[in-house]
Structures are given as structure tokens and as C-alpha cells.
Amino acid sequence: MANIASVLKEEIIRLARKELRAETENLKKASAQYRSDIAALKRRTSTLEKQLARFEKAIPKNTEVEVKPEAAAKTRFTANGFKTLRQRLGLTAQAIGALLGVSAQTIYSWEAGNSSPRVQQMTRIVMLRGLGKREVDAILKQS
């Protein structure tokens, strides 16, 4: 009887190992695929970060725009009007901020009506009102 019990025990162990091997094989394949996907995503992220750095260098923070100061004294500033101007020119807050010599956060603050531009920025805004998309793009590409 002891032989039957030991043979039965060994057979149960063998079958259990066989089942476990089949299950773990699927997990190993899935794990290898996940590692491969993660590596591909890391490479993609690295590439995108390099492109972002190149684009940030392409847009300088303090681009100068020449304007007539006397025109700014007569001009009225409204938050909605400024937001419409930015949208009409197809500019991001960062791009128009670069043209005006301010940060993107300042642009958002102007558009929200929380603050208003100083005289120096107001003269630049007046100049932007007279420009079209192509002219603004040319100015951005020059800088």
C-alpha cells in the first residue's frame, strides 16, 4: 500500500507541475511583451522631449516688436478683445507672450480680466492688431 500512495503522490505532483508550467509560460510571454512595450514608450517619450526642447528654443522669450507709442494711448483694452485677437492670429499664449515680452501666465491673466497690460505691452498689442497671421508667423520665424 505504501507504494500505491507514493506513486499516487508523485503523479499528483507531476500533474501539478505540468499545469503550473503551462500557466507560467503564458505569464512569461505577457511579461516580456509588457517590457517591450514599456521600452518602446520610453524611447517615444525621449524623442518627444527632445522635440519639445527644440521647439522651446525656437521661440525666444523676449522678442521685440516695433510700434508707435502714441497709438497705444488712444487704445482701449478689453479681455475679450485681446482673447479674440490671439485666436484670430492663431497663436498660443506662449507665442503671443514671446511677441509681447511677457509670460504665458500673464496672457491668461489678461484674458481672464485679472490684470491689464502696461503701456509698453499695450503699444505692442496695438501693433499686433494691424498684422495678419502670415506676418506674425514671419516675425516668430525670424526670432
N, C-alpha and C. Protein backbone atom coordinates (compact mmCIF):
# COMPACT_ATOMS: atom_id res chain seq x y z
N MET A 1 0.79 -1.21 0.00
CA MET A 1 0.00 0.00 0.00
C MET A 1 0.84 1.27 0.00
N ALA A 2 1.97 1.18 0.61
CA ALA A 2 2.81 2.36 0.66
C ALA A 2 3.27 2.75 -0.73
N ASN A 3 3.48 1.76 -1.60
CA ASN A 3 3.92 2.05 -2.96
C ASN A 3 2.82 2.76 -3.75
N ILE A 4 1.60 2.35 -3.59
CA ILE A 4 0.49 2.99 -4.30
C ILE A 4 0.34 4.44 -3.84
N ALA A 5 0.45 4.66 -2.56
CA ALA A 5 0.33 6.02 -2.03
C ALA A 5 1.46 6.91 -2.55
N SER A 6 2.66 6.39 -2.56
CA SER A 6 3.79 7.21 -3.04
C SER A 6 3.70 7.43 -4.55
N VAL A 7 3.25 6.42 -5.31
CA VAL A 7 3.09 6.57 -6.75
C VAL A 7 2.01 7.60 -7.05
N LEU A 8 0.90 7.52 -6.30
CA LEU A 8 -0.20 8.48 -6.48
C LEU A 8 0.26 9.89 -6.14
N LYS A 9 1.01 10.03 -5.05
CA LYS A 9 1.53 11.34 -4.64
C LYS A 9 2.46 11.91 -5.72
N GLU A 10 3.36 11.10 -6.26
CA GLU A 10 4.27 11.55 -7.30
C GLU A 10 3.52 11.95 -8.57
N GLU A 11 2.51 11.20 -8.90
CA GLU A 11 1.71 11.53 -10.09
C GLU A 11 0.98 12.86 -9.91
N ILE A 12 0.43 13.08 -8.73
CA ILE A 12 -0.26 14.35 -8.44
C ILE A 12 0.74 15.51 -8.54
N ILE A 13 1.92 15.33 -8.00
CA ILE A 13 2.95 16.37 -8.06
C ILE A 13 3.34 16.65 -9.51
N ARG A 14 3.52 15.60 -10.31
CA ARG A 14 3.90 15.75 -11.71
C ARG A 14 2.84 16.52 -12.48
N LEU A 15 1.57 16.15 -12.27
CA LEU A 15 0.48 16.85 -12.97
C LEU A 15 0.37 18.32 -12.53
N ALA A 16 0.57 18.57 -11.25
CA ALA A 16 0.51 19.95 -10.75
C ALA A 16 1.62 20.80 -11.38
N ARG A 17 2.82 20.20 -11.47
CA ARG A 17 3.93 20.93 -12.08
C ARG A 17 3.66 21.22 -13.56
N LYS A 18 3.07 20.26 -14.22
CA LYS A 18 2.75 20.42 -15.64
C LYS A 18 1.76 21.56 -15.84
N GLU A 19 0.73 21.62 -15.01
CA GLU A 19 -0.26 22.69 -15.09
C GLU A 19 0.36 24.05 -14.77
N LEU A 20 1.19 24.07 -13.74
CA LEU A 20 1.84 25.34 -13.37
C LEU A 20 2.76 25.83 -14.48
N ARG A 21 3.49 24.91 -15.11
CA ARG A 21 4.39 25.29 -16.19
C ARG A 21 3.61 25.93 -17.34
N ALA A 22 2.47 25.36 -17.68
CA ALA A 22 1.65 25.90 -18.77
C ALA A 22 1.14 27.30 -18.42
N GLU A 23 0.70 27.48 -17.19
CA GLU A 23 0.19 28.79 -16.77
C GLU A 23 1.30 29.84 -16.71
N THR A 24 2.44 29.46 -16.15
CA THR A 24 3.52 30.44 -16.03
C THR A 24 4.12 30.79 -17.39
N GLU A 25 4.04 29.89 -18.35
CA GLU A 25 4.54 30.19 -19.70
C GLU A 25 3.78 31.36 -20.32
N ASN A 26 2.45 31.36 -20.15
CA ASN A 26 1.64 32.48 -20.65
C ASN A 26 2.00 33.78 -19.94
N LEU A 27 2.24 33.70 -18.64
CA LEU A 27 2.61 34.90 -17.89
C LEU A 27 3.98 35.43 -18.32
N LYS A 28 4.91 34.52 -18.60
CA LYS A 28 6.23 34.95 -19.06
C LYS A 28 6.14 35.67 -20.40
N LYS A 29 5.32 35.15 -21.30
CA LYS A 29 5.14 35.79 -22.60
C LYS A 29 4.52 37.17 -22.45
N ALA A 30 3.50 37.27 -21.60
CA ALA A 30 2.84 38.56 -21.38
C ALA A 30 3.82 39.55 -20.74
N SER A 31 4.60 39.08 -19.80
CA SER A 31 5.57 39.94 -19.13
C SER A 31 6.62 40.46 -20.12
N ALA A 32 7.09 39.59 -20.99
CA ALA A 32 8.08 40.01 -21.99
C ALA A 32 7.48 41.05 -22.93
N GLN A 33 6.22 40.87 -23.31
CA GLN A 33 5.55 41.84 -24.19
C GLN A 33 5.40 43.19 -23.49
N TYR A 34 5.04 43.16 -22.21
CA TYR A 34 4.89 44.41 -21.45
C TYR A 34 6.22 45.15 -21.35
N ARG A 35 7.30 44.40 -21.09
CA ARG A 35 8.61 45.04 -21.01
C ARG A 35 8.99 45.67 -22.34
N SER A 36 8.67 44.99 -23.42
CA SER A 36 8.95 45.53 -24.75
C SER A 36 8.14 46.81 -25.01
N ASP A 37 6.87 46.78 -24.62
CA ASP A 37 6.01 47.96 -24.79
C ASP A 37 6.52 49.14 -23.96
N ILE A 38 6.94 48.86 -22.74
CA ILE A 38 7.44 49.92 -21.87
C ILE A 38 8.71 50.53 -22.46
N ALA A 39 9.59 49.70 -22.99
CA ALA A 39 10.82 50.21 -23.60
C ALA A 39 10.49 51.08 -24.81
N ALA A 40 9.51 50.67 -25.61
CA ALA A 40 9.12 51.47 -26.78
C ALA A 40 8.53 52.81 -26.34
N LEU A 41 7.73 52.79 -25.29
CA LEU A 41 7.15 54.05 -24.78
C LEU A 41 8.23 54.98 -24.23
N LYS A 42 9.22 54.42 -23.57
CA LYS A 42 10.31 55.25 -23.06
C LYS A 42 11.08 55.90 -24.21
N ARG A 43 11.33 55.13 -25.28
CA ARG A 43 12.02 55.70 -26.44
C ARG A 43 11.18 56.82 -27.05
N ARG A 44 9.87 56.59 -27.17
CA ARG A 44 8.98 57.60 -27.75
C ARG A 44 8.95 58.86 -26.89
N THR A 45 8.90 58.69 -25.57
CA THR A 45 8.90 59.82 -24.66
C THR A 45 10.19 60.62 -24.79
N SER A 46 11.29 59.93 -24.89
CA SER A 46 12.58 60.60 -25.04
C SER A 46 12.62 61.42 -26.33
N THR A 47 12.12 60.85 -27.40
CA THR A 47 12.08 61.56 -28.69
C THR A 47 11.21 62.81 -28.59
N LEU A 48 10.05 62.67 -27.98
CA LEU A 48 9.13 63.81 -27.86
C LEU A 48 9.72 64.90 -26.97
N GLU A 49 10.42 64.52 -25.90
CA GLU A 49 11.04 65.52 -25.04
C GLU A 49 12.13 66.29 -25.79
N LYS A 50 12.87 65.60 -26.64
CA LYS A 50 13.90 66.28 -27.44
C LYS A 50 13.26 67.25 -28.42
N GLN A 51 12.15 66.84 -29.05
CA GLN A 51 11.45 67.73 -29.97
C GLN A 51 10.91 68.95 -29.24
N LEU A 52 10.35 68.74 -28.06
CA LEU A 52 9.82 69.85 -27.26
C LEU A 52 10.93 70.83 -26.92
N ALA A 53 12.08 70.32 -26.54
CA ALA A 53 13.20 71.21 -26.21
C ALA A 53 13.62 72.02 -27.43
N ARG A 54 13.62 71.40 -28.62
CA ARG A 54 13.96 72.14 -29.84
C ARG A 54 12.94 73.24 -30.12
N PHE A 55 11.65 72.93 -29.95
CA PHE A 55 10.62 73.93 -30.20
C PHE A 55 10.68 75.07 -29.20
N GLU A 56 10.99 74.76 -27.95
CA GLU A 56 11.11 75.82 -26.94
C GLU A 56 12.27 76.74 -27.25
N LYS A 57 13.35 76.19 -27.79
CA LYS A 57 14.49 77.03 -28.16
C LYS A 57 14.17 77.89 -29.38
N ALA A 58 13.26 77.40 -30.23
CA ALA A 58 12.92 78.13 -31.46
C ALA A 58 12.13 79.39 -31.16
N ILE A 59 11.39 79.42 -30.07
CA ILE A 59 10.58 80.59 -29.72
C ILE A 59 11.26 81.32 -28.57
N PRO A 60 11.94 82.41 -28.84
CA PRO A 60 12.58 83.15 -27.76
C PRO A 60 11.55 83.82 -26.87
N LYS A 61 11.96 84.08 -25.64
CA LYS A 61 11.03 84.60 -24.65
C LYS A 61 10.81 86.11 -24.77
N ASN A 62 11.78 86.83 -25.25
CA ASN A 62 11.67 88.29 -25.29
C ASN A 62 11.88 88.83 -26.71
N THR A 63 10.95 88.56 -27.59
CA THR A 63 11.02 89.05 -28.95
C THR A 63 10.52 90.50 -28.96
N GLU A 64 11.23 91.34 -29.64
CA GLU A 64 10.87 92.75 -29.72
C GLU A 64 10.01 93.02 -30.95
N VAL A 65 8.94 93.83 -30.79
CA VAL A 65 8.08 94.24 -31.89
C VAL A 65 8.07 95.76 -31.88
N GLU A 66 8.36 96.38 -33.03
CA GLU A 66 8.41 97.84 -33.11
C GLU A 66 7.01 98.41 -33.31
N VAL A 67 6.67 99.46 -32.53
CA VAL A 67 5.33 100.07 -32.59
C VAL A 67 5.44 101.56 -32.34
N LYS A 68 4.32 102.25 -32.57
CA LYS A 68 4.24 103.68 -32.29
C LYS A 68 3.58 103.88 -30.93
N PRO A 69 4.27 104.51 -29.97
CA PRO A 69 3.71 104.65 -28.62
C PRO A 69 2.47 105.53 -28.54
N GLU A 70 2.32 106.49 -29.44
CA GLU A 70 1.17 107.39 -29.36
C GLU A 70 -0.14 106.67 -29.69
N ALA A 71 -0.08 105.61 -30.46
CA ALA A 71 -1.29 104.86 -30.80
C ALA A 71 -1.81 104.10 -29.58
N ALA A 72 -0.93 103.71 -28.68
CA ALA A 72 -1.35 102.95 -27.50
C ALA A 72 -2.12 103.81 -26.52
N ALA A 73 -1.85 105.09 -26.49
CA ALA A 73 -2.52 105.97 -25.54
C ALA A 73 -4.01 106.09 -25.85
N LYS A 74 -4.39 105.98 -27.11
CA LYS A 74 -5.78 106.12 -27.52
C LYS A 74 -6.55 104.80 -27.50
N THR A 75 -5.85 103.70 -27.33
CA THR A 75 -6.47 102.38 -27.46
C THR A 75 -7.01 101.90 -26.13
N ARG A 76 -8.17 101.27 -26.21
CA ARG A 76 -8.82 100.70 -25.04
C ARG A 76 -8.54 99.20 -25.01
N PHE A 77 -8.29 98.65 -23.82
CA PHE A 77 -8.00 97.23 -23.68
C PHE A 77 -9.19 96.52 -23.04
N THR A 78 -9.63 95.43 -23.68
CA THR A 78 -10.65 94.56 -23.08
C THR A 78 -10.14 93.13 -23.14
N ALA A 79 -10.48 92.38 -22.13
CA ALA A 79 -10.01 90.99 -22.05
C ALA A 79 -10.55 90.15 -23.21
N ASN A 80 -11.82 90.29 -23.51
CA ASN A 80 -12.42 89.52 -24.61
C ASN A 80 -11.82 89.91 -25.95
N GLY A 81 -11.57 91.20 -26.14
CA GLY A 81 -10.97 91.66 -27.38
C GLY A 81 -9.57 91.10 -27.57
N PHE A 82 -8.82 91.05 -26.48
CA PHE A 82 -7.46 90.51 -26.57
C PHE A 82 -7.50 89.01 -26.85
N LYS A 83 -8.42 88.31 -26.22
CA LYS A 83 -8.54 86.86 -26.45
C LYS A 83 -8.94 86.60 -27.91
N THR A 84 -9.83 87.41 -28.43
CA THR A 84 -10.25 87.28 -29.82
C THR A 84 -9.08 87.54 -30.76
N LEU A 85 -8.27 88.54 -30.44
CA LEU A 85 -7.08 88.85 -31.25
C LEU A 85 -6.14 87.66 -31.30
N ARG A 86 -5.89 87.07 -30.14
CA ARG A 86 -4.99 85.91 -30.07
C ARG A 86 -5.54 84.74 -30.88
N GLN A 87 -6.83 84.50 -30.78
CA GLN A 87 -7.45 83.40 -31.52
C GLN A 87 -7.46 83.70 -33.03
N ARG A 88 -7.69 84.95 -33.39
CA ARG A 88 -7.70 85.33 -34.80
C ARG A 88 -6.33 85.11 -35.43
N LEU A 89 -5.29 85.41 -34.68
CA LEU A 89 -3.94 85.22 -35.18
C LEU A 89 -3.49 83.76 -35.08
N GLY A 90 -4.26 82.93 -34.38
CA GLY A 90 -3.92 81.52 -34.26
C GLY A 90 -2.69 81.28 -33.42
N LEU A 91 -2.51 82.08 -32.37
CA LEU A 91 -1.33 81.98 -31.53
C LEU A 91 -1.65 81.33 -30.19
N THR A 92 -0.68 80.63 -29.66
CA THR A 92 -0.80 80.13 -28.30
C THR A 92 -0.47 81.26 -27.34
N ALA A 93 -0.79 81.06 -26.08
CA ALA A 93 -0.46 82.08 -25.09
C ALA A 93 1.06 82.27 -25.00
N GLN A 94 1.79 81.18 -25.16
CA GLN A 94 3.25 81.28 -25.09
C GLN A 94 3.80 82.06 -26.28
N ALA A 95 3.24 81.84 -27.47
CA ALA A 95 3.73 82.52 -28.67
C ALA A 95 3.44 84.02 -28.60
N ILE A 96 2.21 84.38 -28.23
CA ILE A 96 1.89 85.82 -28.15
C ILE A 96 2.64 86.46 -26.99
N GLY A 97 2.89 85.68 -25.93
CA GLY A 97 3.70 86.18 -24.82
C GLY A 97 5.11 86.49 -25.27
N ALA A 98 5.66 85.64 -26.16
CA ALA A 98 7.00 85.88 -26.68
C ALA A 98 7.04 87.16 -27.52
N LEU A 99 5.98 87.39 -28.29
CA LEU A 99 5.92 88.61 -29.10
C LEU A 99 5.80 89.86 -28.23
N LEU A 100 5.09 89.74 -27.12
CA LEU A 100 4.84 90.90 -26.28
C LEU A 100 5.88 91.06 -25.16
N GLY A 101 6.72 90.04 -24.98
CA GLY A 101 7.75 90.11 -23.93
C GLY A 101 7.22 89.80 -22.55
N VAL A 102 6.20 88.95 -22.47
CA VAL A 102 5.65 88.54 -21.18
C VAL A 102 5.48 87.03 -21.17
N SER A 103 5.11 86.48 -20.01
CA SER A 103 4.93 85.04 -19.90
C SER A 103 3.52 84.63 -20.34
N ALA A 104 3.35 83.34 -20.57
CA ALA A 104 2.04 82.81 -20.94
C ALA A 104 1.04 83.01 -19.81
N GLN A 105 1.51 82.91 -18.58
CA GLN A 105 0.61 83.11 -17.43
C GLN A 105 0.07 84.53 -17.40
N THR A 106 0.89 85.51 -17.78
CA THR A 106 0.44 86.89 -17.85
C THR A 106 -0.65 87.05 -18.90
N ILE A 107 -0.49 86.35 -20.03
CA ILE A 107 -1.50 86.40 -21.10
C ILE A 107 -2.83 85.87 -20.57
N TYR A 108 -2.78 84.74 -19.87
CA TYR A 108 -4.01 84.16 -19.31
C TYR A 108 -4.64 85.10 -18.29
N SER A 109 -3.81 85.77 -17.54
CA SER A 109 -4.32 86.72 -16.55
C SER A 109 -5.02 87.90 -17.24
N TRP A 110 -4.46 88.39 -18.34
CA TRP A 110 -5.10 89.47 -19.10
C TRP A 110 -6.43 89.01 -19.67
N GLU A 111 -6.45 87.78 -20.22
CA GLU A 111 -7.67 87.27 -20.84
C GLU A 111 -8.77 87.02 -19.81
N ALA A 112 -8.37 86.70 -18.59
CA ALA A 112 -9.36 86.47 -17.53
C ALA A 112 -9.85 87.79 -16.95
N GLY A 113 -9.17 88.87 -17.26
CA GLY A 113 -9.57 90.18 -16.74
C GLY A 113 -9.01 90.45 -15.36
N ASN A 114 -8.06 89.64 -14.90
CA ASN A 114 -7.47 89.82 -13.57
C ASN A 114 -6.45 90.95 -13.55
N SER A 115 -5.87 91.25 -14.69
CA SER A 115 -4.90 92.34 -14.78
C SER A 115 -4.96 92.91 -16.19
N SER A 116 -4.23 94.00 -16.38
CA SER A 116 -4.21 94.61 -17.71
C SER A 116 -2.76 94.94 -18.07
N PRO A 117 -2.47 95.05 -19.36
CA PRO A 117 -1.08 95.28 -19.78
C PRO A 117 -0.59 96.68 -19.45
N ARG A 118 0.71 96.79 -19.31
CA ARG A 118 1.35 98.10 -19.10
C ARG A 118 1.43 98.81 -20.43
N VAL A 119 1.87 100.04 -20.40
CA VAL A 119 1.94 100.86 -21.62
C VAL A 119 2.87 100.22 -22.65
N GLN A 120 3.99 99.67 -22.20
CA GLN A 120 4.94 99.07 -23.13
C GLN A 120 4.29 97.89 -23.87
N GLN A 121 3.58 97.04 -23.15
CA GLN A 121 2.93 95.92 -23.81
C GLN A 121 1.73 96.38 -24.63
N MET A 122 1.08 97.42 -24.19
CA MET A 122 -0.09 97.93 -24.91
C MET A 122 0.31 98.43 -26.30
N THR A 123 1.47 99.06 -26.39
CA THR A 123 1.92 99.52 -27.72
C THR A 123 2.18 98.32 -28.64
N ARG A 124 2.69 97.25 -28.09
CA ARG A 124 2.92 96.05 -28.89
C ARG A 124 1.60 95.39 -29.30
N ILE A 125 0.63 95.43 -28.41
CA ILE A 125 -0.69 94.86 -28.73
C ILE A 125 -1.33 95.63 -29.88
N VAL A 126 -1.19 96.94 -29.84
CA VAL A 126 -1.74 97.77 -30.92
C VAL A 126 -1.08 97.39 -32.24
N MET A 127 0.21 97.15 -32.22
CA MET A 127 0.91 96.74 -33.44
C MET A 127 0.39 95.39 -33.94
N LEU A 128 0.15 94.47 -33.03
CA LEU A 128 -0.35 93.15 -33.42
C LEU A 128 -1.73 93.22 -34.05
N ARG A 129 -2.52 94.20 -33.64
CA ARG A 129 -3.88 94.34 -34.20
C ARG A 129 -3.84 94.60 -35.70
N GLY A 130 -2.77 95.24 -36.15
CA GLY A 130 -2.67 95.56 -37.57
C GLY A 130 -2.01 94.48 -38.40
N LEU A 131 -1.59 93.41 -37.78
CA LEU A 131 -0.89 92.35 -38.51
C LEU A 131 -1.82 91.17 -38.78
N GLY A 132 -1.46 90.40 -39.79
CA GLY A 132 -2.19 89.18 -40.12
C GLY A 132 -1.41 87.95 -39.66
N LYS A 133 -1.99 86.79 -39.92
CA LYS A 133 -1.36 85.54 -39.49
C LYS A 133 0.01 85.34 -40.14
N ARG A 134 0.10 85.60 -41.43
CA ARG A 134 1.37 85.38 -42.13
C ARG A 134 2.47 86.28 -41.60
N GLU A 135 2.12 87.54 -41.34
CA GLU A 135 3.12 88.48 -40.84
C GLU A 135 3.60 88.08 -39.44
N VAL A 136 2.67 87.65 -38.61
CA VAL A 136 3.03 87.23 -37.26
C VAL A 136 3.90 85.97 -37.32
N ASP A 137 3.54 85.03 -38.20
CA ASP A 137 4.35 83.82 -38.36
C ASP A 137 5.76 84.18 -38.83
N ALA A 138 5.86 85.15 -39.73
CA ALA A 138 7.19 85.58 -40.22
C ALA A 138 8.01 86.17 -39.08
N ILE A 139 7.38 86.97 -38.24
CA ILE A 139 8.08 87.57 -37.09
C ILE A 139 8.56 86.49 -36.14
N LEU A 140 7.69 85.49 -35.89
CA LEU A 140 8.07 84.40 -34.99
C LEU A 140 9.21 83.56 -35.57
N LYS A 141 9.20 83.36 -36.89
CA LYS A 141 10.25 82.56 -37.51
C LYS A 141 11.58 83.29 -37.53
N GLN A 142 11.54 84.63 -37.62
CA GLN A 142 12.78 85.41 -37.61
C GLN A 142 13.46 85.31 -36.26
N SER A 143 12.69 85.22 -35.20
CA SER A 143 13.28 85.20 -33.87
C SER A 143 13.55 83.85 -33.39
